[in-house]
Amino acid sequence: MVEMEGAFSGLTRARGPGAVGLLQDFLNTTDIESQRDLIASPSALSAWLAANGLISGGGKVSAAEHARVLDLRERLRDAIEATTHGLPADAAYGDVDEIASTVPLRVRLGKAAHLEPAGARPAPALGPIVAILYDAMRDDALLRLKVCRNEDCRWALYDTSRNRSGAWCSMAICGNRQKGRVYRRRHAAGR
């Protein structure tokens, strides 16, 4: 198991394997609680994609595509959260499918068969992300990718629990906050 350090919090959290881990990294490019975003601009997104080997170092992302990537990230977070709470995957991923359908991809065959962006000017940001999403969807590890139940957090977490019951990105932070809220509500109601 690879561990990843939270981009914003400094906490070490479990990182999913392969494409699932990269998808988790993508979802965690934003810290909802602090309202900081590692890919807040087209140039920041280009740098993140290059750092993760998804585009060449000189690849540029347009403002329009940047907006589509941010939209995909949030719709994907919503879909993962919905499936975590029992919504059928087809219904949850409808919005993600809509965005993915606009990205031209092609199959690369051989020992390491995979999808990759296609065309003269394929969506340089969306293409690799949708291809990774496809690879992750074929991996059972995706079932362990969840969204923290703390509405102020919504960090993508890789659930390492034996029975896949993890609900918080960190029991020490979000889990304790929720327990505190429940405790205060219970005691306020008893007064």
C-alpha atoms as a PDB file:
ATOM      1  CA  MET A   1       0.000   0.000   0.000  1.00  0.00           C
ATOM      2  CA  VAL A   2       1.328   3.397  -0.951  1.00  0.00           C
ATOM      3  CA  GLU A   3       0.743   6.215   1.460  1.00  0.00           C
ATOM      4  CA  MET A   4       0.146   9.752   0.312  1.00  0.00           C
ATOM      5  CA  GLU A   5       0.516  12.917   2.241  1.00  0.00           C
ATOM      6  CA  GLY A   6      -2.483  15.187   2.086  1.00  0.00           C
ATOM      7  CA  ALA A   7      -1.639  18.065  -0.210  1.00  0.00           C
ATOM      8  CA  PHE A   8      -3.041  20.530   2.268  1.00  0.00           C
ATOM      9  CA  SER A   9      -3.275  18.915   5.674  1.00  0.00           C
ATOM     10  CA  GLY A  10       0.101  17.243   6.045  1.00  0.00           C
ATOM     11  CA  LEU A  11      -1.617  14.035   7.207  1.00  0.00           C
ATOM     12  CA  THR A  12      -0.500  10.736   5.775  1.00  0.00           C
ATOM     13  CA  ARG A  13      -3.381   8.803   4.254  1.00  0.00           C
ATOM     14  CA  ALA A  14      -3.634   5.562   2.308  1.00  0.00           C
ATOM     15  CA  ARG A  15      -3.363   5.965  -1.449  1.00  0.00           C
ATOM     16  CA  GLY A  16      -5.087   3.588  -3.811  1.00  0.00           C
ATOM     17  CA  PRO A  17      -3.081   1.503  -6.251  1.00  0.00           C
ATOM     18  CA  GLY A  18      -2.421   2.404  -9.906  1.00  0.00           C
ATOM     19  CA  ALA A  19      -5.081   4.348 -11.772  1.00  0.00           C
ATOM     20  CA  VAL A  20      -7.303   4.473  -8.663  1.00  0.00           C
ATOM     21  CA  GLY A  21      -4.526   6.250  -6.755  1.00  0.00           C
ATOM     22  CA  LEU A  22      -4.021   8.762  -9.558  1.00  0.00           C
ATOM     23  CA  LEU A  23      -7.770   9.369  -9.688  1.00  0.00           C
ATOM     24  CA  GLN A  24      -7.704   9.907  -5.914  1.00  0.00           C
ATOM     25  CA  ASP A  25      -4.844  12.392  -6.343  1.00  0.00           C
ATOM     26  CA  PHE A  26      -6.889  14.226  -8.984  1.00  0.00           C
ATOM     27  CA  LEU A  27      -9.926  14.482  -6.716  1.00  0.00           C
ATOM     28  CA  ASN A  28      -7.718  15.730  -3.883  1.00  0.00           C
ATOM     29  CA  THR A  29      -6.296  18.621  -5.870  1.00  0.00           C
ATOM     30  CA  THR A  30      -8.782  20.749  -3.984  1.00  0.00           C
ATOM     31  CA  ASP A  31      -9.183  21.225  -0.253  1.00  0.00           C
ATOM     32  CA  ILE A  32     -12.836  22.153   0.204  1.00  0.00           C
ATOM     33  CA  GLU A  33     -12.407  23.154   3.838  1.00  0.00           C
ATOM     34  CA  SER A  34      -9.620  25.695   3.216  1.00  0.00           C
ATOM     35  CA  GLN A  35     -10.866  26.546  -0.303  1.00  0.00           C
ATOM     36  CA  ARG A  36      -7.401  26.006  -1.785  1.00  0.00           C
ATOM     37  CA  ASP A  37      -6.969  24.367  -5.153  1.00  0.00           C
ATOM     38  CA  LEU A  38      -3.763  22.942  -6.634  1.00  0.00           C
ATOM     39  CA  ILE A  39      -5.194  23.268 -10.163  1.00  0.00           C
ATOM     40  CA  ALA A  40      -6.920  26.636  -9.776  1.00  0.00           C
ATOM     41  CA  SER A  41      -5.618  27.964 -13.104  1.00  0.00           C
ATOM     42  CA  PRO A  42      -4.961  26.499 -16.551  1.00  0.00           C
ATOM     43  CA  SER A  43      -1.195  26.773 -15.984  1.00  0.00           C
ATOM     44  CA  ALA A  44      -1.465  25.040 -12.586  1.00  0.00           C
ATOM     45  CA  LEU A  45      -3.500  22.248 -14.209  1.00  0.00           C
ATOM     46  CA  SER A  46      -0.867  21.911 -16.967  1.00  0.00           C
ATOM     47  CA  ALA A  47       1.861  21.649 -14.332  1.00  0.00           C
ATOM     48  CA  TRP A  48      -0.093  19.016 -12.356  1.00  0.00           C
ATOM     49  CA  LEU A  49      -0.742  16.955 -15.493  1.00  0.00           C
ATOM     50  CA  ALA A  50       2.941  17.147 -16.484  1.00  0.00           C
ATOM     51  CA  ALA A  51       4.103  16.236 -12.962  1.00  0.00           C
ATOM     52  CA  ASN A  52       1.902  13.131 -13.119  1.00  0.00           C
ATOM     53  CA  GLY A  53       3.077  12.134 -16.596  1.00  0.00           C
ATOM     54  CA  LEU A  54      -0.277  12.836 -18.238  1.00  0.00           C
ATOM     55  CA  ILE A  55       0.913  15.452 -20.739  1.00  0.00           C
ATOM     56  CA  SER A  56       4.296  16.553 -21.977  1.00  0.00           C
ATOM     57  CA  GLY A  57       5.950  19.398 -20.110  1.00  0.00           C
ATOM     58  CA  GLY A  58       5.037  21.885 -22.848  1.00  0.00           C
ATOM     59  CA  GLY A  59       1.337  20.990 -22.975  1.00  0.00           C
ATOM     60  CA  LYS A  60      -0.999  23.922 -22.511  1.00  0.00           C
ATOM     61  CA  VAL A  61      -4.565  23.827 -21.241  1.00  0.00           C
ATOM     62  CA  SER A  62      -7.116  26.381 -22.404  1.00  0.00           C
ATOM     63  CA  ALA A  63      -9.365  28.274 -19.998  1.00  0.00           C
ATOM     64  CA  ALA A  64     -12.422  26.470 -21.393  1.00  0.00           C
ATOM     65  CA  GLU A  65     -10.869  23.038 -20.915  1.00  0.00           C
ATOM     66  CA  HIS A  66      -9.686  23.997 -17.440  1.00  0.00           C
ATOM     67  CA  ALA A  67     -13.293  24.795 -16.518  1.00  0.00           C
ATOM     68  CA  ARG A  68     -14.410  21.400 -17.916  1.00  0.00           C
ATOM     69  CA  VAL A  69     -11.750  19.577 -15.865  1.00  0.00           C
ATOM     70  CA  LEU A  70     -12.886  21.307 -12.661  1.00  0.00           C
ATOM     71  CA  ASP A  71     -16.492  20.387 -13.511  1.00  0.00           C
ATOM     72  CA  LEU A  72     -15.457  16.772 -14.130  1.00  0.00           C
ATOM     73  CA  ARG A  73     -13.613  16.661 -10.800  1.00  0.00           C
ATOM     74  CA  GLU A  74     -16.663  17.766  -8.822  1.00  0.00           C
ATOM     75  CA  ARG A  75     -19.125  15.573 -10.733  1.00  0.00           C
ATOM     76  CA  LEU A  76     -16.796  12.623 -10.222  1.00  0.00           C
ATOM     77  CA  ARG A  77     -16.558  13.375  -6.495  1.00  0.00           C
ATOM     78  CA  ASP A  78     -20.376  13.494  -6.355  1.00  0.00           C
ATOM     79  CA  ALA A  79     -20.632  10.157  -8.220  1.00  0.00           C
ATOM     80  CA  ILE A  80     -18.169   8.396  -5.930  1.00  0.00           C
ATOM     81  CA  GLU A  81     -19.955   9.799  -2.903  1.00  0.00           C
ATOM     82  CA  ALA A  82     -23.329   8.650  -4.258  1.00  0.00           C
ATOM     83  CA  THR A  83     -22.147   5.104  -4.948  1.00  0.00           C
ATOM     84  CA  THR A  84     -20.586   5.008  -1.472  1.00  0.00           C
ATOM     85  CA  HIS A  85     -24.053   5.702  -0.070  1.00  0.00           C
ATOM     86  CA  GLY A  86     -25.778   3.044  -2.156  1.00  0.00           C
ATOM     87  CA  LEU A  87     -26.918   4.858  -5.301  1.00  0.00           C
ATOM     88  CA  PRO A  88     -26.603   2.651  -8.415  1.00  0.00           C
ATOM     89  CA  ALA A  89     -23.426   3.435 -10.363  1.00  0.00           C
ATOM     90  CA  ASP A  90     -25.262   4.066 -13.652  1.00  0.00           C
ATOM     91  CA  ALA A  91     -27.345   6.834 -12.103  1.00  0.00           C
ATOM     92  CA  ALA A  92     -24.432   8.337 -10.177  1.00  0.00           C
ATOM     93  CA  TYR A  93     -22.066   8.442 -13.143  1.00  0.00           C
ATOM     94  CA  GLY A  94     -24.553   9.971 -15.619  1.00  0.00           C
ATOM     95  CA  ASP A  95     -23.059  13.472 -15.384  1.00  0.00           C
ATOM     96  CA  VAL A  96     -19.525  12.083 -15.608  1.00  0.00           C
ATOM     97  CA  ASP A  97     -20.515  10.067 -18.701  1.00  0.00           C
ATOM     98  CA  GLU A  98     -21.842  13.238 -20.307  1.00  0.00           C
ATOM     99  CA  ILE A  99     -18.468  14.970 -19.958  1.00  0.00           C
ATOM    100  CA  ALA A 100     -16.494  11.854 -20.923  1.00  0.00           C
ATOM    101  CA  SER A 101     -18.513  11.430 -24.118  1.00  0.00           C
ATOM    102  CA  THR A 102     -17.003  14.669 -25.456  1.00  0.00           C
ATOM    103  CA  VAL A 103     -13.430  13.376 -25.228  1.00  0.00           C
ATOM    104  CA  PRO A 104     -11.939  11.595 -28.242  1.00  0.00           C
ATOM    105  CA  LEU A 105     -10.053   8.492 -27.079  1.00  0.00           C
ATOM    106  CA  ARG A 106      -8.417   5.589 -28.871  1.00  0.00           C
ATOM    107  CA  VAL A 107      -7.362   2.133 -27.798  1.00  0.00           C
ATOM    108  CA  ARG A 108      -3.660   1.266 -27.679  1.00  0.00           C
ATOM    109  CA  LEU A 109      -3.229  -2.485 -27.914  1.00  0.00           C
ATOM    110  CA  GLY A 110      -0.331  -4.628 -26.834  1.00  0.00           C
ATOM    111  CA  LYS A 111       0.984  -5.911 -23.559  1.00  0.00           C
ATOM    112  CA  ALA A 112      -0.073  -2.761 -21.717  1.00  0.00           C
ATOM    113  CA  ALA A 113      -3.342  -2.045 -23.547  1.00  0.00           C
ATOM    114  CA  HIS A 114      -4.878   1.257 -22.530  1.00  0.00           C
ATOM    115  CA  LEU A 115      -6.916   4.221 -23.694  1.00  0.00           C
ATOM    116  CA  GLU A 116      -5.287   7.472 -24.676  1.00  0.00           C
ATOM    117  CA  PRO A 117      -6.404  10.809 -26.132  1.00  0.00           C
ATOM    118  CA  ALA A 118      -6.976  10.732 -29.904  1.00  0.00           C
ATOM    119  CA  GLY A 119      -6.973  13.349 -32.631  1.00  0.00           C
ATOM    120  CA  ALA A 120      -4.759  16.209 -33.687  1.00  0.00           C
ATOM    121  CA  ARG A 121      -5.694  18.400 -30.728  1.00  0.00           C
ATOM    122  CA  PRO A 122      -7.250  16.002 -28.260  1.00  0.00           C
ATOM    123  CA  ALA A 123      -8.473  17.498 -25.057  1.00  0.00           C
ATOM    124  CA  PRO A 124      -4.997  17.634 -23.476  1.00  0.00           C
ATOM    125  CA  ALA A 125      -6.329  17.691 -19.936  1.00  0.00           C
ATOM    126  CA  LEU A 126      -9.631  15.858 -20.129  1.00  0.00           C
ATOM    127  CA  GLY A 127      -8.342  13.068 -22.359  1.00  0.00           C
ATOM    128  CA  PRO A 128      -5.776  11.620 -19.946  1.00  0.00           C
ATOM    129  CA  ILE A 129      -8.088  12.044 -16.966  1.00  0.00           C
ATOM    130  CA  VAL A 130     -10.977  10.248 -18.694  1.00  0.00           C
ATOM    131  CA  ALA A 131      -8.564   7.488 -19.789  1.00  0.00           C
ATOM    132  CA  ILE A 132      -7.418   7.067 -16.176  1.00  0.00           C
ATOM    133  CA  LEU A 133     -11.035   7.031 -15.030  1.00  0.00           C
ATOM    134  CA  TYR A 134     -11.701   4.222 -17.506  1.00  0.00           C
ATOM    135  CA  ASP A 135      -8.721   2.225 -16.217  1.00  0.00           C
ATOM    136  CA  ALA A 136      -9.838   2.799 -12.624  1.00  0.00           C
ATOM    137  CA  MET A 137     -13.390   1.676 -13.396  1.00  0.00           C
ATOM    138  CA  ARG A 138     -12.030  -1.719 -14.494  1.00  0.00           C
ATOM    139  CA  ASP A 139     -10.191  -2.153 -11.186  1.00  0.00           C
ATOM    140  CA  ASP A 140     -11.942  -3.563  -8.126  1.00  0.00           C
ATOM    141  CA  ALA A 141      -9.850  -1.135  -6.067  1.00  0.00           C
ATOM    142  CA  LEU A 142     -12.248   1.607  -7.204  1.00  0.00           C
ATOM    143  CA  LEU A 143     -14.808   0.114  -4.817  1.00  0.00           C
ATOM    144  CA  ARG A 144     -12.536   1.260  -2.000  1.00  0.00           C
ATOM    145  CA  LEU A 145     -12.347   4.852  -3.255  1.00  0.00           C
ATOM    146  CA  LYS A 146     -14.769   6.915  -1.194  1.00  0.00           C
ATOM    147  CA  VAL A 147     -15.506  10.499  -0.246  1.00  0.00           C
ATOM    148  CA  CYS A 148     -15.191  11.598   3.378  1.00  0.00           C
ATOM    149  CA  ARG A 149     -18.627  11.946   4.958  1.00  0.00           C
ATOM    150  CA  ASN A 150     -17.701  15.270   6.509  1.00  0.00           C
ATOM    151  CA  GLU A 151     -19.474  17.770   4.225  1.00  0.00           C
ATOM    152  CA  ASP A 152     -16.810  20.380   5.008  1.00  0.00           C
ATOM    153  CA  CYS A 153     -14.063  17.997   3.858  1.00  0.00           C
ATOM    154  CA  ARG A 154     -15.193  15.579   1.091  1.00  0.00           C
ATOM    155  CA  TRP A 155     -11.593  14.354   0.668  1.00  0.00           C
ATOM    156  CA  ALA A 156     -11.217  11.291  -1.551  1.00  0.00           C
ATOM    157  CA  LEU A 157     -10.041   8.413   0.601  1.00  0.00           C
ATOM    158  CA  TYR A 158      -8.902   4.909  -0.109  1.00  0.00           C
ATOM    159  CA  ASP A 159     -10.689   2.647   2.359  1.00  0.00           C
ATOM    160  CA  THR A 160      -8.253   0.066   3.712  1.00  0.00           C
ATOM    161  CA  SER A 161     -10.683  -1.390   6.240  1.00  0.00           C
ATOM    162  CA  ARG A 162     -11.314  -5.108   5.940  1.00  0.00           C
ATOM    163  CA  ASN A 163     -15.081  -4.731   5.498  1.00  0.00           C
ATOM    164  CA  ARG A 164     -14.924  -1.519   3.417  1.00  0.00           C
ATOM    165  CA  SER A 165     -16.686   0.468   6.115  1.00  0.00           C
ATOM    166  CA  GLY A 166     -14.346   3.485   6.219  1.00  0.00           C
ATOM    167  CA  ALA A 167     -16.237   6.748   6.243  1.00  0.00           C
ATOM    168  CA  TRP A 168     -13.745   9.442   7.207  1.00  0.00           C
ATOM    169  CA  CYS A 169     -10.537  10.630   5.583  1.00  0.00           C
ATOM    170  CA  SER A 170      -9.073  10.660   9.084  1.00  0.00           C
ATOM    171  CA  MET A 171     -10.707   9.363  12.220  1.00  0.00           C
ATOM    172  CA  ALA A 172      -8.492  11.752  14.205  1.00  0.00           C
ATOM    173  CA  ILE A 173      -9.905  14.787  12.402  1.00  0.00           C
ATOM    174  CA  CYS A 174     -13.212  14.315  10.559  1.00  0.00           C
ATOM    175  CA  GLY A 175     -14.345  11.291  12.565  1.00  0.00           C
ATOM    176  CA  ASN A 176     -13.756  13.060  15.869  1.00  0.00           C
ATOM    177  CA  ARG A 177     -15.452  16.222  14.611  1.00  0.00           C
ATOM    178  CA  GLN A 178     -18.552  14.218  13.712  1.00  0.00           C
ATOM    179  CA  LYS A 179     -18.542  12.389  17.032  1.00  0.00           C
ATOM    180  CA  GLY A 180     -18.290  15.766  18.785  1.00  0.00           C
ATOM    181  CA  ARG A 181     -21.242  17.149  16.802  1.00  0.00           C
ATOM    182  CA  VAL A 182     -23.376  14.117  17.667  1.00  0.00           C
ATOM    183  CA  TYR A 183     -22.374  14.368  21.331  1.00  0.00           C
ATOM    184  CA  ARG A 184     -23.232  18.097  21.507  1.00  0.00           C
ATOM    185  CA  ARG A 185     -26.585  17.530  19.771  1.00  0.00           C
ATOM    186  CA  ARG A 186     -27.479  14.707  22.126  1.00  0.00           C
ATOM    187  CA  HIS A 187     -26.603  16.722  25.213  1.00  0.00           C
ATOM    188  CA  ALA A 188     -28.299  19.888  23.931  1.00  0.00           C
ATOM    189  CA  ALA A 189     -31.494  17.887  23.339  1.00  0.00           C
ATOM    190  CA  GLY A 190     -31.330  16.474  26.863  1.00  0.00           C
ATOM    191  CA  ARG A 191     -31.283  19.872  28.568  1.00  0.00           C
END
